Amino acid sequence: MRQTISHMALVVRDYDEAIAWYTGVLGFTLVEDTAQPAQNKRWVVVAPPGSAGTAILLARASKPEQEAFIGHQSGGRVFLFLSTDDFWRDHAAMTEKGVEFIRPPATYDYGTVAVFSDLYGNLWDLVQFAADHPMAFAPLEPVTRA
């Protein structure tokens, strides 16, 4: 069984900063950027490279106490994966763009992985799963509902 995250929210300090980092550094695609002035909100969705059904909602904290919390985040293991079909190509490109790898590349039975930190201290696995692994890279199909 393939497990996927269809929508995940990452809390950001600044939408434009986050959009620039995820699209410019990680190669995500900007799917939606809609202002909702009546609610004082902005709906921003980005999708990982090669993805057809997975998206990440970039959400900004709305309360002062949340803003203070975001500024003090040190990051943590939140099971964020950036799956690739060419680990070494993407690792080199990300390193050239200044991505900080916290754990260097290593190869295991399930594939090759390195851990990096995003601009908010979230930890991500850049991973190329082994060809026989159930989560081996394939662009995801859009989710359809009956």
Protein backbone atom coordinates (compact mmCIF):
# COMPACT_ATOMS: atom_id res chain seq x y z
CA MET A 1 0.00 0.00 0.00
CA ARG A 2 1.30 3.44 -0.89
CA GLN A 3 0.96 6.02 1.83
CA THR A 4 0.85 9.62 0.74
CA ILE A 5 0.17 12.96 2.31
CA SER A 6 -2.33 14.76 0.13
CA HIS A 7 -2.29 18.00 2.09
CA MET A 8 0.05 19.18 4.80
CA ALA A 9 0.27 22.63 6.34
CA LEU A 10 3.61 24.23 7.11
CA VAL A 11 3.47 27.37 9.21
CA VAL A 12 5.54 30.20 7.75
CA ARG A 13 6.64 33.64 8.94
CA ASP A 14 6.36 35.26 5.54
CA TYR A 15 4.55 33.97 2.46
CA ASP A 16 6.81 35.58 -0.13
CA GLU A 17 9.95 34.33 1.66
CA ALA A 18 8.54 30.81 1.85
CA ILE A 19 7.35 30.77 -1.77
CA ALA A 20 10.75 31.96 -2.99
CA TRP A 21 12.58 29.32 -0.95
CA TYR A 22 10.41 26.34 -1.83
CA THR A 23 10.15 27.21 -5.52
CA GLY A 24 13.62 28.65 -6.07
CA VAL A 25 15.68 26.32 -3.89
CA LEU A 26 13.70 23.08 -3.83
CA GLY A 27 12.02 23.39 -7.22
CA PHE A 28 8.45 23.19 -5.90
CA THR A 29 5.65 24.46 -8.14
CA LEU A 30 3.39 27.27 -6.99
CA VAL A 31 -0.11 25.81 -7.41
CA GLU A 32 -2.23 28.54 -5.86
CA ASP A 33 -1.72 31.97 -4.34
CA THR A 34 -5.05 33.57 -3.48
CA ALA A 35 -5.63 36.54 -1.19
CA GLN A 36 -8.69 36.47 1.04
CA PRO A 37 -8.78 40.05 2.37
CA ALA A 38 -12.14 39.66 4.13
CA GLN A 39 -10.64 36.95 6.36
CA ASN A 40 -7.17 38.54 6.43
CA LYS A 41 -5.81 35.29 4.98
CA ARG A 42 -3.81 34.10 2.01
CA TRP A 43 -4.20 30.62 0.51
CA VAL A 44 -0.81 29.46 -0.78
CA VAL A 45 -0.26 25.92 -2.04
CA VAL A 46 3.01 24.50 -3.37
CA ALA A 47 3.71 21.04 -4.79
CA PRO A 48 6.94 19.03 -4.73
CA PRO A 49 8.77 18.34 -8.01
CA GLY A 50 7.15 15.54 -10.02
CA SER A 51 4.05 15.54 -7.86
CA ALA A 52 0.60 15.25 -9.35
CA GLY A 53 -1.43 14.73 -6.20
CA THR A 54 0.54 15.97 -3.22
CA ALA A 55 0.52 19.58 -2.12
CA ILE A 56 1.66 21.62 0.86
CA LEU A 57 -0.35 24.48 2.27
CA LEU A 58 1.83 27.34 3.49
CA ALA A 59 -0.09 28.83 6.41
CA ARG A 60 0.82 31.90 8.40
CA ALA A 61 0.14 32.07 12.12
CA SER A 62 -2.53 34.60 12.94
CA LYS A 63 -2.12 35.19 16.66
CA PRO A 64 0.75 37.09 18.35
CA GLU A 65 1.53 34.12 20.62
CA GLN A 66 1.78 31.86 17.56
CA GLU A 67 4.10 34.36 15.84
CA ALA A 68 6.40 34.27 18.88
CA PHE A 69 6.36 30.47 18.87
CA ILE A 70 7.29 30.29 15.20
CA GLY A 71 10.28 32.53 15.79
CA HIS A 72 11.58 30.14 18.45
CA GLN A 73 11.05 26.88 16.60
CA SER A 74 14.11 24.71 16.46
CA GLY A 75 12.60 22.19 14.09
CA GLY A 76 11.86 18.55 14.71
CA ARG A 77 11.14 15.27 13.07
CA VAL A 78 7.84 15.75 11.32
CA PHE A 79 8.21 13.13 8.59
CA LEU A 80 8.65 15.44 5.63
CA PHE A 81 9.87 13.61 2.53
CA LEU A 82 11.11 14.98 -0.77
CA SER A 83 11.18 11.90 -2.99
CA THR A 84 13.38 11.91 -6.08
CA ASP A 85 14.19 9.74 -9.06
CA ASP A 86 17.84 10.94 -9.09
CA PHE A 87 19.25 11.43 -5.61
CA TRP A 88 22.75 12.61 -6.57
CA ARG A 89 21.50 15.13 -9.13
CA ASP A 90 19.11 16.71 -6.65
CA HIS A 91 21.56 16.53 -3.74
CA ALA A 92 24.18 18.39 -5.80
CA ALA A 93 21.69 21.00 -7.00
CA MET A 94 20.39 21.64 -3.49
CA THR A 95 23.89 21.87 -2.03
CA GLU A 96 24.83 24.43 -4.70
CA LYS A 97 21.79 26.50 -3.67
CA GLY A 98 22.86 26.51 -0.02
CA VAL A 99 20.64 23.80 1.45
CA GLU A 100 22.10 22.64 4.76
CA PHE A 101 22.28 18.85 5.02
CA ILE A 102 22.14 17.80 8.65
CA ARG A 103 22.74 14.13 7.91
CA PRO A 104 25.00 13.24 4.98
CA PRO A 105 23.92 10.82 2.25
CA ALA A 106 23.74 7.18 3.24
CA THR A 107 22.43 4.12 1.44
CA TYR A 108 20.24 1.54 3.14
CA ASP A 109 18.16 -1.42 1.95
CA TYR A 110 15.21 0.91 1.34
CA GLY A 111 17.19 3.51 -0.64
CA THR A 112 19.50 6.52 -0.43
CA VAL A 113 18.69 9.35 1.97
CA ALA A 114 20.07 12.59 3.42
CA VAL A 115 18.38 14.92 5.89
CA PHE A 116 18.20 18.66 5.29
CA SER A 117 16.71 21.65 7.05
CA ASP A 118 14.40 24.18 5.44
CA LEU A 119 14.35 27.90 6.18
CA TYR A 120 12.04 27.32 9.17
CA GLY A 121 14.09 24.54 10.76
CA ASN A 122 11.80 21.73 9.60
CA LEU A 123 13.68 18.53 8.84
CA TRP A 124 13.20 16.79 5.48
CA ASP A 125 14.44 13.53 4.01
CA LEU A 126 15.70 13.82 0.46
CA VAL A 127 15.19 10.20 -0.50
CA GLN A 128 15.45 7.97 -3.52
CA PHE A 129 13.73 4.74 -2.61
CA ALA A 130 15.10 1.45 -3.97
CA ALA A 131 13.41 0.38 -7.20
CA ASP A 132 11.60 -2.50 -5.47
CA HIS A 133 10.38 -0.35 -2.57
CA PRO A 134 6.61 0.37 -2.52
CA MET A 135 7.31 4.11 -2.25
CA ALA A 136 9.77 4.25 -5.16
CA PHE A 137 9.39 7.55 -7.01
CA ALA A 138 6.48 7.89 -9.34
CA PRO A 139 4.47 11.06 -9.88
CA LEU A 140 1.33 10.65 -7.82
CA GLU A 141 -2.04 10.43 -9.48
CA PRO A 142 -4.57 13.09 -8.58
CA VAL A 143 -6.97 11.99 -5.88
CA THR A 144 -10.49 11.43 -7.19
CA ARG A 145 -13.55 11.18 -5.00
CA ALA A 146 -16.65 9.18 -5.83
